Each structure stands twice: as structure tokens, then as C-alpha cells.
Amino acid sequence: MKLTDVAIVAVDGFSPFHYSVPCMLFGDSVSETKRFKLQICAERPGLLTAPDGFALNASADFTALEQADIVVVPYWGAVHQRPPQSLLDSLVRARENGAEIVGLCLGAFVLGYAGLLDGKRAATHWEFEQAFQRQFPEVRLDINALYVDDQRIITSAGTAAALDCCLYIIRQRFGSLAANQIARRMIVPPHREGGQAQFIAQPVPKNTRDARINGLLEYLQQHIAEPHNLDSLAQVVAMSRRTLTRHFTRATGMSIADWLTIERLRRSQLLLEAGNMPVEQVAESVGFRSAVTWRQQFKSRFGVSPGEWRRQAIRRFSRTRESIWSKTKKPP
């Protein structure tokens, strides 16, 4: 079987985890069958170091990217700094030569600087969403996807999503059986449901510079399951509807309806994780009048259904309990 040439772009000050993922999945350590020929490329061949003591040995410069079947950019630390022109030129030539170009996590910024994402869908780490959109307004950023494949230019969300992305590439080239065997050996799911939205903290303002709005937020927290309308809430804070709307938006950055929806969804997450309340009852307990509406909004915001969220929480708890038990169990 002809080996697939994979070139990994390396930079000084790299993040070890971001590089370990493609090096492992496209290397020889997790598969019984050799499928890839791996090469690490840098601006100048030689030893590259990470701040925490790790080192990478680059065997080739960026021109080697142009001969690869797959080019992977796992990391880019300075998202506001344009990469070396030699790297950008080699990425463009690699693409012209038919290579699959992959930007993992913040590596998507490098592909953006090279112009390879213009007019295409892309993913990157959710914390850098706004910076990415400001820098590359012509790219259609999908802030929920774990990874995006647009005409063999593939980008992934943050950090651990690189695992999902690399497994996807293996699955596309060598089939599900090969990808599943590697995933099983690494003790990771071969395919995860949902997107990175389920991992994004959805901060709901609970304290602002407006004392009257703070009082209203406390009231809403205590009466989250009750129906609310603008007229009744205006009476709570002794404001007109218009004044309340203006003050609330200025203090929290969102409308009252949006605040209530986000807080109710957050509360429903906690109830689902507790695991002792029927799913249908959760919706009512947090103030949704319709379980159907709650399910739709939950799936839209977090990328998974309420039932799947609960199953994931149960699995996380089981793994934690087993880990604690294995560490505390005394040998006979």
C-alpha cells in the first residue's frame, strides 16, 4: 500500500498537546497498519522548543509541504501576527498540487492568512471567534462545529476537537473500521455528537452596575419557573416598559427574553446532570411552557439533545467514580 505523505507545520514555542494529536494519529504508535509517512517541517530544519521543556525536530523546511498529500497546521500562537510568507506560499502551492490542507484549532488562522479559506466555511476555537471574524470577514465561520470540511480544506475547533478532525480524515481515506480501531486504542469516541457550543460557557450576568437591574436579576433567579412579561417586570422595578428595556440591555448586554432563555437552559443542564428528574419535567421546572420548545432551544444552543446531555453526564460521572475507585482500592 502506498503511504500517504503527511507534512506537519511546526513553529518555535509550540503547544505539545496540539502537536501530539496529529503526530500520534498519523504516526505508527496507535495503528497496527502503517498508512502514513510523517514529516515535520519548519521555517528552518532543526530543533524547536516549547516553553514547558518539550522539543520537536523538524527534518525539512516549508518547501516540503508542496509534495505532501496532507498538510497539517496544528497550532499558531500569535493569531494577530501574519505567518512567514514562505509558509503561506508553500501552503498555497501545496493546495494547487492537490494536497488536503488541515488547520487544527488556531491553525485555522494560518489558513486564513494564506487566503485558503476565502468564501469557505471554517471552524476554530470558540474563544477566538471574534478575532477570527474580524481578521477574516470573508470566511463563513461555524462556531458550533467540531470540524469543517469544505472542498478538502479542513479546520477544527479548539484543542481536543483535533482528535475528532484527525479521526475524520482517517475515516474518509481508509474507512470507518480503521478509524474506529484507532479510536478504541486511544479510548476516545470514534464520533462525538454535538459541537463545541456544548463546551462554551454561557455567562448569564447576575450582577451589574445598575442596582435596580441587580434587584430584578435576583427576583428572576428566585422565580425562574414562573411566566414573566414586560409589564409585570416593569412593576417589580418601578420603571416604564421602555426604561426597563433600555436599562436591562445596557446592564446585561442582552434582552430580558434572551437572559431568561439562557438562564433557563443553564438551569436545565444542571437538573439533567443531577439525573433524578424526568426529562419532560425538567422543562416545566425551569419555566418552559412547552417541552418541545425547550428541546428545540436546548439542541440549538448546545448541539445535543437533553437526553444525550444527560447520558454524557452519566458517562462522565461513571468514569470519574471508576478512576477514584481504582486509585483508592487496596491490593489484596
C-alpha atoms as a PDB file:
ATOM      1  CA  MET A   1       0.000   0.000   0.000  1.00  0.00           C
ATOM      2  CA  LYS A   2       1.344   3.415  -0.975  1.00  0.00           C
ATOM      3  CA  LEU A   3       1.869   5.543   2.112  1.00  0.00           C
ATOM      4  CA  THR A   4       0.097   8.900   2.427  1.00  0.00           C
ATOM      5  CA  ASP A   5       2.604  11.721   2.878  1.00  0.00           C
ATOM      6  CA  VAL A   6       1.689  13.973   5.831  1.00  0.00           C
ATOM      7  CA  ALA A   7       3.595  17.194   6.464  1.00  0.00           C
ATOM      8  CA  ILE A   8       3.122  18.891   9.836  1.00  0.00           C
ATOM      9  CA  VAL A   9       3.934  22.588  10.139  1.00  0.00           C
ATOM     10  CA  ALA A  10       5.992  23.277  13.274  1.00  0.00           C
ATOM     11  CA  VAL A  11       6.870  26.583  14.922  1.00  0.00           C
ATOM     12  CA  ASP A  12       9.058  27.563  17.859  1.00  0.00           C
ATOM     13  CA  GLY A  13       7.154  27.926  21.123  1.00  0.00           C
ATOM     14  CA  PHE A  14       4.695  25.230  20.029  1.00  0.00           C
ATOM     15  CA  SER A  15       1.990  23.667  22.206  1.00  0.00           C
ATOM     16  CA  PRO A  16       2.886  19.996  22.894  1.00  0.00           C
ATOM     17  CA  PHE A  17      -0.697  18.709  23.047  1.00  0.00           C
ATOM     18  CA  HIS A  18      -1.651  20.299  19.728  1.00  0.00           C
ATOM     19  CA  TYR A  19       1.274  18.551  18.036  1.00  0.00           C
ATOM     20  CA  SER A  20       0.888  15.225  19.815  1.00  0.00           C
ATOM     21  CA  VAL A  21      -2.544  14.634  18.265  1.00  0.00           C
ATOM     22  CA  PRO A  22      -1.593  14.616  14.549  1.00  0.00           C
ATOM     23  CA  CYS A  23       1.795  13.035  15.315  1.00  0.00           C
ATOM     24  CA  MET A  24       0.079  10.125  17.091  1.00  0.00           C
ATOM     25  CA  LEU A  25      -2.854   9.627  14.746  1.00  0.00           C
ATOM     26  CA  PHE A  26      -0.786   9.899  11.575  1.00  0.00           C
ATOM     27  CA  GLY A  27       2.184   8.100  13.136  1.00  0.00           C
ATOM     28  CA  ASP A  28       2.814   4.427  13.849  1.00  0.00           C
ATOM     29  CA  SER A  29       2.035   4.165  17.570  1.00  0.00           C
ATOM     30  CA  VAL A  30      -1.769   3.780  17.507  1.00  0.00           C
ATOM     31  CA  SER A  31      -2.300   1.655  14.400  1.00  0.00           C
ATOM     32  CA  GLU A  32      -1.205  -1.857  13.565  1.00  0.00           C
ATOM     33  CA  THR A  33      -1.091  -0.909   9.879  1.00  0.00           C
ATOM     34  CA  LYS A  34       1.314   1.743   8.630  1.00  0.00           C
ATOM     35  CA  ARG A  35      -0.659   4.144   6.437  1.00  0.00           C
ATOM     36  CA  PHE A  36       1.183   7.446   6.679  1.00  0.00           C
ATOM     37  CA  LYS A  37       4.674   8.804   6.178  1.00  0.00           C
ATOM     38  CA  LEU A  38       5.113  11.684   8.606  1.00  0.00           C
ATOM     39  CA  GLN A  39       7.410  14.674   8.203  1.00  0.00           C
ATOM     40  CA  ILE A  40       7.774  17.704  10.463  1.00  0.00           C
ATOM     41  CA  CYS A  41       8.536  20.937   8.612  1.00  0.00           C
ATOM     42  CA  ALA A  42       9.656  24.330   9.907  1.00  0.00           C
ATOM     43  CA  GLU A  43      10.985  27.594   8.529  1.00  0.00           C
ATOM     44  CA  ARG A  44      14.453  26.179   9.118  1.00  0.00           C
ATOM     45  CA  PRO A  45      15.123  22.485   9.827  1.00  0.00           C
ATOM     46  CA  GLY A  46      16.353  21.697  13.311  1.00  0.00           C
ATOM     47  CA  LEU A  47      15.242  21.591  16.924  1.00  0.00           C
ATOM     48  CA  LEU A  48      12.167  23.571  18.006  1.00  0.00           C
ATOM     49  CA  THR A  49      11.348  24.052  21.676  1.00  0.00           C
ATOM     50  CA  ALA A  50       8.194  24.570  23.707  1.00  0.00           C
ATOM     51  CA  PRO A  51       8.028  26.775  26.847  1.00  0.00           C
ATOM     52  CA  ASP A  52       7.420  23.732  29.068  1.00  0.00           C
ATOM     53  CA  GLY A  53      10.520  21.793  28.033  1.00  0.00           C
ATOM     54  CA  PHE A  54       9.338  19.703  25.083  1.00  0.00           C
ATOM     55  CA  ALA A  55      11.201  19.717  21.775  1.00  0.00           C
ATOM     56  CA  LEU A  56      10.447  18.824  18.145  1.00  0.00           C
ATOM     57  CA  ASN A  57      12.962  18.002  15.450  1.00  0.00           C
ATOM     58  CA  ALA A  58      11.985  19.427  12.070  1.00  0.00           C
ATOM     59  CA  SER A  59      13.591  17.448   9.260  1.00  0.00           C
ATOM     60  CA  ALA A  60      12.602  19.756   6.384  1.00  0.00           C
ATOM     61  CA  ASP A  61      11.725  23.344   5.573  1.00  0.00           C
ATOM     62  CA  PHE A  62       8.365  24.621   4.335  1.00  0.00           C
ATOM     63  CA  THR A  63       9.053  23.735   0.695  1.00  0.00           C
ATOM     64  CA  ALA A  64       8.465  20.089   1.649  1.00  0.00           C
ATOM     65  CA  LEU A  65       4.790  20.929   2.185  1.00  0.00           C
ATOM     66  CA  GLU A  66       4.382  21.229  -1.571  1.00  0.00           C
ATOM     67  CA  GLN A  67       4.992  17.482  -2.074  1.00  0.00           C
ATOM     68  CA  ALA A  68       2.652  16.250   0.683  1.00  0.00           C
ATOM     69  CA  ASP A  69      -0.745  14.593   0.328  1.00  0.00           C
ATOM     70  CA  ILE A  70      -1.934  16.136   3.616  1.00  0.00           C
ATOM     71  CA  VAL A  71      -0.589  19.311   5.221  1.00  0.00           C
ATOM     72  CA  VAL A  72      -1.453  19.901   8.877  1.00  0.00           C
ATOM     73  CA  VAL A  73      -1.087  23.194  10.747  1.00  0.00           C
ATOM     74  CA  PRO A  74      -1.765  22.165  14.373  1.00  0.00           C
ATOM     75  CA  TYR A  75      -1.128  25.478  16.102  1.00  0.00           C
ATOM     76  CA  TRP A  76      -0.445  29.175  15.742  1.00  0.00           C
ATOM     77  CA  GLY A  77       0.238  31.071  18.947  1.00  0.00           C
ATOM     78  CA  ALA A  78       0.212  34.679  17.712  1.00  0.00           C
ATOM     79  CA  VAL A  79      -3.159  34.928  15.990  1.00  0.00           C
ATOM     80  CA  HIS A  80      -2.700  38.633  15.183  1.00  0.00           C
ATOM     81  CA  GLN A  81       0.730  38.055  13.668  1.00  0.00           C
ATOM     82  CA  ARG A  82       0.961  37.198   9.991  1.00  0.00           C
ATOM     83  CA  PRO A  83       2.912  33.936   9.448  1.00  0.00           C
ATOM     84  CA  PRO A  84       6.112  33.925   7.375  1.00  0.00           C
ATOM     85  CA  GLN A  85       5.448  34.460   3.686  1.00  0.00           C
ATOM     86  CA  SER A  86       7.438  31.313   2.896  1.00  0.00           C
ATOM     87  CA  LEU A  87       4.888  29.281   4.874  1.00  0.00           C
ATOM     88  CA  LEU A  88       1.891  30.949   3.222  1.00  0.00           C
ATOM     89  CA  ASP A  89       3.369  30.485  -0.268  1.00  0.00           C
ATOM     90  CA  SER A  90       4.110  26.808   0.375  1.00  0.00           C
ATOM     91  CA  LEU A  91       0.565  26.214   1.660  1.00  0.00           C
ATOM     92  CA  VAL A  92      -0.899  27.772  -1.490  1.00  0.00           C
ATOM     93  CA  ARG A  93       1.381  25.691  -3.729  1.00  0.00           C
ATOM     94  CA  ALA A  94       0.542  22.539  -1.762  1.00  0.00           C
ATOM     95  CA  ARG A  95      -3.125  23.244  -2.341  1.00  0.00           C
ATOM     96  CA  GLU A  96      -2.506  23.832  -6.045  1.00  0.00           C
ATOM     97  CA  ASN A  97      -0.716  20.481  -6.155  1.00  0.00           C
ATOM     98  CA  GLY A  98      -3.807  18.738  -4.776  1.00  0.00           C
ATOM     99  CA  ALA A  99      -2.965  18.430  -1.091  1.00  0.00           C
ATOM    100  CA  GLU A 100      -5.590  18.286   1.630  1.00  0.00           C
ATOM    101  CA  ILE A 101      -4.928  21.276   3.917  1.00  0.00           C
ATOM    102  CA  VAL A 102      -5.799  20.985   7.618  1.00  0.00           C
ATOM    103  CA  GLY A 103      -5.848  23.742  10.235  1.00  0.00           C
ATOM    104  CA  LEU A 104      -6.350  22.405  13.757  1.00  0.00           C
ATOM    105  CA  CYS A 105      -7.576  24.822  16.430  1.00  0.00           C
ATOM    106  CA  LEU A 106      -5.745  28.144  15.904  1.00  0.00           C
ATOM    107  CA  GLY A 107      -4.005  26.683  12.876  1.00  0.00           C
ATOM    108  CA  ALA A 108      -7.118  27.888  11.044  1.00  0.00           C
ATOM    109  CA  PHE A 109      -5.679  31.401  11.350  1.00  0.00           C
ATOM    110  CA  VAL A 110      -2.687  30.381   9.228  1.00  0.00           C
ATOM    111  CA  LEU A 111      -5.003  29.053   6.517  1.00  0.00           C
ATOM    112  CA  GLY A 112      -6.923  32.320   6.730  1.00  0.00           C
ATOM    113  CA  TYR A 113      -3.760  34.386   6.273  1.00  0.00           C
ATOM    114  CA  ALA A 114      -2.891  32.230   3.244  1.00  0.00           C
ATOM    115  CA  GLY A 115      -6.263  33.077   1.676  1.00  0.00           C
ATOM    116  CA  LEU A 116      -7.242  29.408   1.510  1.00  0.00           C
ATOM    117  CA  LEU A 117     -10.450  29.946   3.485  1.00  0.00           C
ATOM    118  CA  ASP A 118     -11.843  32.862   1.466  1.00  0.00           C
ATOM    119  CA  GLY A 119     -15.505  32.181   0.737  1.00  0.00           C
ATOM    120  CA  LYS A 120     -15.391  28.868   2.593  1.00  0.00           C
ATOM    121  CA  ARG A 121     -16.791  27.512   5.849  1.00  0.00           C
ATOM    122  CA  ALA A 122     -14.327  27.073   8.680  1.00  0.00           C
ATOM    123  CA  ALA A 123     -14.026  26.291  12.389  1.00  0.00           C
ATOM    124  CA  THR A 124     -11.661  27.430  15.113  1.00  0.00           C
ATOM    125  CA  HIS A 125     -11.557  27.650  18.900  1.00  0.00           C
ATOM    126  CA  TRP A 126     -14.671  29.404  20.223  1.00  0.00           C
ATOM    127  CA  GLU A 127     -12.625  31.777  22.408  1.00  0.00           C
ATOM    128  CA  PHE A 128     -11.064  33.275  19.275  1.00  0.00           C
ATOM    129  CA  GLU A 129     -14.291  33.511  17.280  1.00  0.00           C
ATOM    130  CA  GLN A 130     -14.464  37.316  17.275  1.00  0.00           C
ATOM    131  CA  ALA A 131     -10.771  37.755  16.495  1.00  0.00           C
ATOM    132  CA  PHE A 132     -11.107  35.340  13.582  1.00  0.00           C
ATOM    133  CA  GLN A 133     -14.179  37.055  12.171  1.00  0.00           C
ATOM    134  CA  ARG A 134     -12.538  40.480  12.426  1.00  0.00           C
ATOM    135  CA  GLN A 135      -9.389  39.245  10.716  1.00  0.00           C
ATOM    136  CA  PHE A 136     -11.128  37.174   8.020  1.00  0.00           C
ATOM    137  CA  PRO A 137     -14.610  38.613   7.361  1.00  0.00           C
ATOM    138  CA  GLU A 138     -14.842  36.773   4.036  1.00  0.00           C
ATOM    139  CA  VAL A 139     -14.736  33.373   5.800  1.00  0.00           C
ATOM    140  CA  ARG A 140     -18.003  31.769   6.950  1.00  0.00           C
ATOM    141  CA  LEU A 141     -17.099  30.739  10.483  1.00  0.00           C
ATOM    142  CA  ASP A 142     -19.125  27.916  12.031  1.00  0.00           C
ATOM    143  CA  ILE A 143     -18.773  28.483  15.763  1.00  0.00           C
ATOM    144  CA  ASN A 144     -20.533  25.248  16.716  1.00  0.00           C
ATOM    145  CA  ALA A 145     -18.808  22.657  14.503  1.00  0.00           C
ATOM    146  CA  LEU A 146     -16.106  20.402  15.914  1.00  0.00           C
ATOM    147  CA  TYR A 147     -14.593  20.374  12.426  1.00  0.00           C
ATOM    148  CA  VAL A 148     -15.498  21.578   8.940  1.00  0.00           C
ATOM    149  CA  ASP A 149     -14.515  20.072   5.589  1.00  0.00           C
ATOM    150  CA  ASP A 150     -15.026  22.483   2.691  1.00  0.00           C
ATOM    151  CA  GLN A 151     -13.571  21.101  -0.536  1.00  0.00           C
ATOM    152  CA  ARG A 152     -10.748  19.274   1.263  1.00  0.00           C
ATOM    153  CA  ILE A 153      -9.723  22.290   3.302  1.00  0.00           C
ATOM    154  CA  ILE A 154     -10.422  21.110   6.822  1.00  0.00           C
ATOM    155  CA  THR A 155     -10.451  23.144  10.026  1.00  0.00           C
ATOM    156  CA  SER A 156     -11.267  22.135  13.578  1.00  0.00           C
ATOM    157  CA  ALA A 157     -12.453  23.724  16.786  1.00  0.00           C
ATOM    158  CA  GLY A 158     -10.256  24.034  19.842  1.00  0.00           C
ATOM    159  CA  THR A 159      -7.757  21.618  21.339  1.00  0.00           C
ATOM    160  CA  ALA A 160      -9.386  18.182  21.767  1.00  0.00           C
ATOM    161  CA  ALA A 161     -11.502  18.652  18.618  1.00  0.00           C
ATOM    162  CA  ALA A 162      -8.262  17.916  16.756  1.00  0.00           C
ATOM    163  CA  LEU A 163      -8.840  14.263  17.703  1.00  0.00           C
ATOM    164  CA  ASP A 164     -12.270  14.311  16.055  1.00  0.00           C
ATOM    165  CA  CYS A 165     -10.852  16.036  12.994  1.00  0.00           C
ATOM    166  CA  CYS A 166      -7.912  13.659  12.500  1.00  0.00           C
ATOM    167  CA  LEU A 167     -10.140  10.618  13.001  1.00  0.00           C
ATOM    168  CA  TYR A 168     -12.467  12.068  10.366  1.00  0.00           C
ATOM    169  CA  ILE A 169      -9.565  12.343   7.897  1.00  0.00           C
ATOM    170  CA  ILE A 170      -8.571   8.721   8.564  1.00  0.00           C
ATOM    171  CA  ARG A 171     -12.191   7.625   8.197  1.00  0.00           C
ATOM    172  CA  GLN A 172     -12.506   9.439   4.853  1.00  0.00           C
ATOM    173  CA  ARG A 173      -9.346   7.861   3.448  1.00  0.00           C
ATOM    174  CA  PHE A 174      -9.341   4.386   4.972  1.00  0.00           C
ATOM    175  CA  GLY A 175     -12.889   3.740   6.176  1.00  0.00           C
ATOM    176  CA  SER A 176     -14.715   3.548   9.490  1.00  0.00           C
ATOM    177  CA  LEU A 177     -13.102   0.291  10.581  1.00  0.00           C
ATOM    178  CA  ALA A 178      -9.599   1.797  10.534  1.00  0.00           C
ATOM    179  CA  ALA A 179     -10.739   4.966  12.330  1.00  0.00           C
ATOM    180  CA  ASN A 180     -12.711   3.007  14.935  1.00  0.00           C
ATOM    181  CA  GLN A 181      -9.763   0.735  15.723  1.00  0.00           C
ATOM    182  CA  ILE A 182      -7.526   3.757  16.333  1.00  0.00           C
ATOM    183  CA  ALA A 183     -10.206   5.486  18.426  1.00  0.00           C
ATOM    184  CA  ARG A 184     -10.678   2.355  20.544  1.00  0.00           C
ATOM    185  CA  ARG A 185      -6.948   2.107  21.187  1.00  0.00           C
ATOM    186  CA  MET A 186      -6.859   5.761  22.263  1.00  0.00           C
ATOM    187  CA  ILE A 187     -10.004   5.350  24.433  1.00  0.00           C
ATOM    188  CA  VAL A 188     -11.875   8.122  22.618  1.00  0.00           C
ATOM    189  CA  PRO A 189     -15.240   8.003  20.838  1.00  0.00           C
ATOM    190  CA  PRO A 190     -14.858   7.484  17.074  1.00  0.00           C
ATOM    191  CA  HIS A 191     -17.511  10.142  16.549  1.00  0.00           C
ATOM    192  CA  ARG A 192     -18.862  12.677  19.025  1.00  0.00           C
ATOM    193  CA  GLU A 193     -22.381  14.055  18.919  1.00  0.00           C
ATOM    194  CA  GLY A 194     -22.888  17.802  19.011  1.00  0.00           C
ATOM    195  CA  GLY A 195     -20.482  20.655  18.534  1.00  0.00           C
ATOM    196  CA  GLN A 196     -18.272  22.889  20.600  1.00  0.00           C
ATOM    197  CA  ALA A 197     -21.250  25.001  21.672  1.00  0.00           C
ATOM    198  CA  GLN A 198     -21.865  22.440  24.425  1.00  0.00           C
ATOM    199  CA  PHE A 199     -18.468  23.382  25.913  1.00  0.00           C
ATOM    200  CA  ILE A 200     -18.833  27.159  25.667  1.00  0.00           C
ATOM    201  CA  ALA A 201     -19.526  28.835  28.978  1.00  0.00           C
ATOM    202  CA  GLN A 202     -22.733  30.835  28.620  1.00  0.00           C
ATOM    203  CA  PRO A 203     -22.241  33.504  31.266  1.00  0.00           C
ATOM    204  CA  VAL A 204     -25.518  34.991  32.398  1.00  0.00           C
ATOM    205  CA  PRO A 205     -24.969  38.333  34.110  1.00  0.00           C
ATOM    206  CA  LYS A 206     -26.077  38.143  37.726  1.00  0.00           C
ATOM    207  CA  ASN A 207     -24.563  41.382  38.964  1.00  0.00           C
ATOM    208  CA  THR A 208     -24.321  44.684  37.105  1.00  0.00           C
ATOM    209  CA  ARG A 209     -23.569  48.330  37.864  1.00  0.00           C
ATOM    210  CA  ASP A 210     -27.302  49.079  37.897  1.00  0.00           C
ATOM    211  CA  ALA A 211     -28.720  48.440  41.384  1.00  0.00           C
ATOM    212  CA  ARG A 212     -32.320  48.199  40.196  1.00  0.00           C
ATOM    213  CA  ILE A 213     -31.428  45.702  37.478  1.00  0.00           C
ATOM    214  CA  ASN A 214     -29.475  43.697  40.071  1.00  0.00           C
ATOM    215  CA  GLY A 215     -32.645  43.509  42.130  1.00  0.00           C
ATOM    216  CA  LEU A 216     -34.589  42.338  39.083  1.00  0.00           C
ATOM    217  CA  LEU A 217     -31.996  39.664  38.289  1.00  0.00           C
ATOM    218  CA  GLU A 218     -32.244  38.356  41.831  1.00  0.00           C
ATOM    219  CA  TYR A 219     -36.030  38.297  41.518  1.00  0.00           C
ATOM    220  CA  LEU A 220     -35.854  36.387  38.227  1.00  0.00           C
ATOM    221  CA  GLN A 221     -33.407  33.882  39.733  1.00  0.00           C
ATOM    222  CA  GLN A 222     -35.847  33.171  42.547  1.00  0.00           C
ATOM    223  CA  HIS A 223     -38.867  32.950  40.226  1.00  0.00           C
ATOM    224  CA  ILE A 224     -37.300  31.332  37.161  1.00  0.00           C
ATOM    225  CA  ALA A 225     -40.108  28.759  36.753  1.00  0.00           C
ATOM    226  CA  GLU A 226     -42.845  31.396  36.640  1.00  0.00           C
ATOM    227  CA  PRO A 227     -44.094  33.111  33.467  1.00  0.00           C
ATOM    228  CA  HIS A 228     -42.903  36.708  33.066  1.00  0.00           C
ATOM    229  CA  ASN A 229     -43.839  39.607  30.847  1.00  0.00           C
ATOM    230  CA  LEU A 230     -42.528  43.121  30.405  1.00  0.00           C
ATOM    231  CA  ASP A 231     -45.462  44.756  32.211  1.00  0.00           C
ATOM    232  CA  SER A 232     -45.109  42.677  35.393  1.00  0.00           C
ATOM    233  CA  LEU A 233     -41.329  43.063  35.490  1.00  0.00           C
ATOM    234  CA  ALA A 234     -41.600  46.810  34.975  1.00  0.00           C
ATOM    235  CA  GLN A 235     -43.764  46.928  38.105  1.00  0.00           C
ATOM    236  CA  VAL A 236     -41.153  44.968  40.078  1.00  0.00           C
ATOM    237  CA  VAL A 237     -38.518  47.667  39.441  1.00  0.00           C
ATOM    238  CA  ALA A 238     -40.956  50.621  39.254  1.00  0.00           C
ATOM    239  CA  MET A 239     -39.938  51.570  35.717  1.00  0.00           C
ATOM    240  CA  SER A 240     -41.754  52.085  32.487  1.00  0.00           C
ATOM    241  CA  ARG A 241     -41.521  49.332  29.900  1.00  0.00           C
ATOM    242  CA  ARG A 242     -39.256  51.430  27.684  1.00  0.00           C
ATOM    243  CA  THR A 243     -36.957  52.459  30.560  1.00  0.00           C
ATOM    244  CA  LEU A 244     -36.684  48.877  31.799  1.00  0.00           C
ATOM    245  CA  THR A 245     -35.837  47.587  28.334  1.00  0.00           C
ATOM    246  CA  ARG A 246     -33.139  50.227  27.885  1.00  0.00           C
ATOM    247  CA  HIS A 247     -31.601  49.756  31.363  1.00  0.00           C
ATOM    248  CA  PHE A 248     -31.660  45.952  31.166  1.00  0.00           C
ATOM    249  CA  THR A 249     -29.956  45.841  27.775  1.00  0.00           C
ATOM    250  CA  ARG A 250     -27.352  48.392  28.841  1.00  0.00           C
ATOM    251  CA  ALA A 251     -26.622  46.498  32.087  1.00  0.00           C
ATOM    252  CA  THR A 252     -26.523  42.916  30.760  1.00  0.00           C
ATOM    253  CA  GLY A 253     -25.853  43.241  27.050  1.00  0.00           C
ATOM    254  CA  MET A 254     -28.975  41.261  26.174  1.00  0.00           C
ATOM    255  CA  SER A 255     -32.752  41.488  26.174  1.00  0.00           C
ATOM    256  CA  ILE A 256     -34.860  40.195  29.077  1.00  0.00           C
ATOM    257  CA  ALA A 257     -36.192  37.381  26.880  1.00  0.00           C
ATOM    258  CA  ASP A 258     -32.679  36.292  25.897  1.00  0.00           C
ATOM    259  CA  TRP A 259     -31.484  36.429  29.518  1.00  0.00           C
ATOM    260  CA  LEU A 260     -34.394  34.262  30.656  1.00  0.00           C
ATOM    261  CA  THR A 261     -33.855  31.735  27.877  1.00  0.00           C
ATOM    262  CA  ILE A 262     -30.130  31.372  28.581  1.00  0.00           C
ATOM    263  CA  GLU A 263     -30.626  31.101  32.339  1.00  0.00           C
ATOM    264  CA  ARG A 264     -33.435  28.559  31.952  1.00  0.00           C
ATOM    265  CA  LEU A 265     -31.303  26.449  29.619  1.00  0.00           C
ATOM    266  CA  ARG A 266     -28.410  26.653  32.080  1.00  0.00           C
ATOM    267  CA  ARG A 267     -30.678  25.541  34.935  1.00  0.00           C
ATOM    268  CA  SER A 268     -31.973  22.666  32.820  1.00  0.00           C
ATOM    269  CA  GLN A 269     -28.391  21.487  32.234  1.00  0.00           C
ATOM    270  CA  LEU A 270     -27.876  21.221  35.999  1.00  0.00           C
ATOM    271  CA  LEU A 271     -31.137  19.331  36.504  1.00  0.00           C
ATOM    272  CA  LEU A 272     -30.301  16.910  33.703  1.00  0.00           C
ATOM    273  CA  GLU A 273     -26.895  16.255  35.229  1.00  0.00           C
ATOM    274  CA  ALA A 274     -28.499  15.541  38.608  1.00  0.00           C
ATOM    275  CA  GLY A 275     -30.185  12.655  36.811  1.00  0.00           C
ATOM    276  CA  ASN A 276     -33.196  12.152  39.099  1.00  0.00           C
ATOM    277  CA  MET A 277     -35.919  14.160  37.330  1.00  0.00           C
ATOM    278  CA  PRO A 278     -37.876  13.001  34.253  1.00  0.00           C
ATOM    279  CA  VAL A 279     -36.738  14.878  31.167  1.00  0.00           C
ATOM    280  CA  GLU A 280     -40.198  16.271  30.446  1.00  0.00           C
ATOM    281  CA  GLN A 281     -40.441  17.638  33.982  1.00  0.00           C
ATOM    282  CA  VAL A 282     -37.146  19.487  33.643  1.00  0.00           C
ATOM    283  CA  ALA A 283     -38.636  21.838  31.047  1.00  0.00           C
ATOM    284  CA  GLU A 284     -41.502  22.790  33.353  1.00  0.00           C
ATOM    285  CA  SER A 285     -39.208  23.204  36.362  1.00  0.00           C
ATOM    286  CA  VAL A 286     -37.143  25.893  34.631  1.00  0.00           C
ATOM    287  CA  GLY A 287     -40.051  27.842  33.186  1.00  0.00           C
ATOM    288  CA  PHE A 288     -40.579  26.485  29.687  1.00  0.00           C
ATOM    289  CA  ARG A 289     -44.272  26.152  28.949  1.00  0.00           C
ATOM    290  CA  SER A 290     -43.604  23.636  26.161  1.00  0.00           C
ATOM    291  CA  ALA A 291     -41.249  20.668  26.378  1.00  0.00           C
ATOM    292  CA  VAL A 292     -40.986  20.706  22.570  1.00  0.00           C
ATOM    293  CA  THR A 293     -39.774  24.316  22.570  1.00  0.00           C
ATOM    294  CA  TRP A 294     -37.288  23.531  25.327  1.00  0.00           C
ATOM    295  CA  ARG A 295     -35.883  20.554  23.407  1.00  0.00           C
ATOM    296  CA  GLN A 296     -35.517  22.633  20.258  1.00  0.00           C
ATOM    297  CA  GLN A 297     -33.772  25.508  22.017  1.00  0.00           C
ATOM    298  CA  PHE A 298     -31.529  23.152  24.012  1.00  0.00           C
ATOM    299  CA  LYS A 299     -30.401  21.346  20.848  1.00  0.00           C
ATOM    300  CA  SER A 300     -29.922  24.648  19.011  1.00  0.00           C
ATOM    301  CA  ARG A 301     -27.705  26.142  21.737  1.00  0.00           C
ATOM    302  CA  PHE A 302     -25.704  23.110  22.875  1.00  0.00           C
ATOM    303  CA  GLY A 303     -25.695  20.918  19.776  1.00  0.00           C
ATOM    304  CA  VAL A 304     -27.033  17.858  21.584  1.00  0.00           C
ATOM    305  CA  SER A 305     -30.473  16.781  22.786  1.00  0.00           C
ATOM    306  CA  PRO A 306     -31.366  16.943  26.507  1.00  0.00           C
ATOM    307  CA  GLY A 307     -31.347  13.149  26.634  1.00  0.00           C
ATOM    308  CA  GLU A 308     -27.857  12.956  25.143  1.00  0.00           C
ATOM    309  CA  TRP A 309     -26.636  15.662  27.549  1.00  0.00           C
ATOM    310  CA  ARG A 310     -27.839  13.526  30.467  1.00  0.00           C
ATOM    311  CA  ARG A 311     -26.219  10.384  29.038  1.00  0.00           C
ATOM    312  CA  GLN A 312     -22.908  12.234  28.621  1.00  0.00           C
ATOM    313  CA  ALA A 313     -23.112  13.459  32.230  1.00  0.00           C
ATOM    314  CA  ILE A 314     -23.770   9.927  33.482  1.00  0.00           C
ATOM    315  CA  ARG A 315     -20.816   8.584  31.498  1.00  0.00           C
ATOM    316  CA  ARG A 316     -18.553  11.327  32.874  1.00  0.00           C
ATOM    317  CA  PHE A 317     -19.654  10.525  36.425  1.00  0.00           C
ATOM    318  CA  SER A 318     -19.107   6.789  35.899  1.00  0.00           C
ATOM    319  CA  ARG A 319     -15.591   7.334  34.544  1.00  0.00           C
ATOM    320  CA  THR A 320     -14.734   9.632  37.463  1.00  0.00           C
ATOM    321  CA  ARG A 321     -16.076   7.139  40.002  1.00  0.00           C
ATOM    322  CA  GLU A 322     -14.156   4.259  38.406  1.00  0.00           C
ATOM    323  CA  SER A 323     -10.981   6.346  38.377  1.00  0.00           C
ATOM    324  CA  ILE A 324     -11.351   7.217  42.066  1.00  0.00           C
ATOM    325  CA  TRP A 325     -12.142   3.609  42.925  1.00  0.00           C
ATOM    326  CA  SER A 326      -9.101   2.289  41.049  1.00  0.00           C
ATOM    327  CA  LYS A 327      -6.832   4.739  42.888  1.00  0.00           C
ATOM    328  CA  THR A 328      -8.209   4.014  46.354  1.00  0.00           C
ATOM    329  CA  LYS A 329      -8.688   0.256  46.076  1.00  0.00           C
ATOM    330  CA  LYS A 330      -6.055  -1.568  48.107  1.00  0.00           C
ATOM    331  CA  PRO A 331      -4.363  -4.666  46.688  1.00  0.00           C
ATOM    332  CA  PRO A 332      -5.366  -7.945  48.368  1.00  0.00           C
END
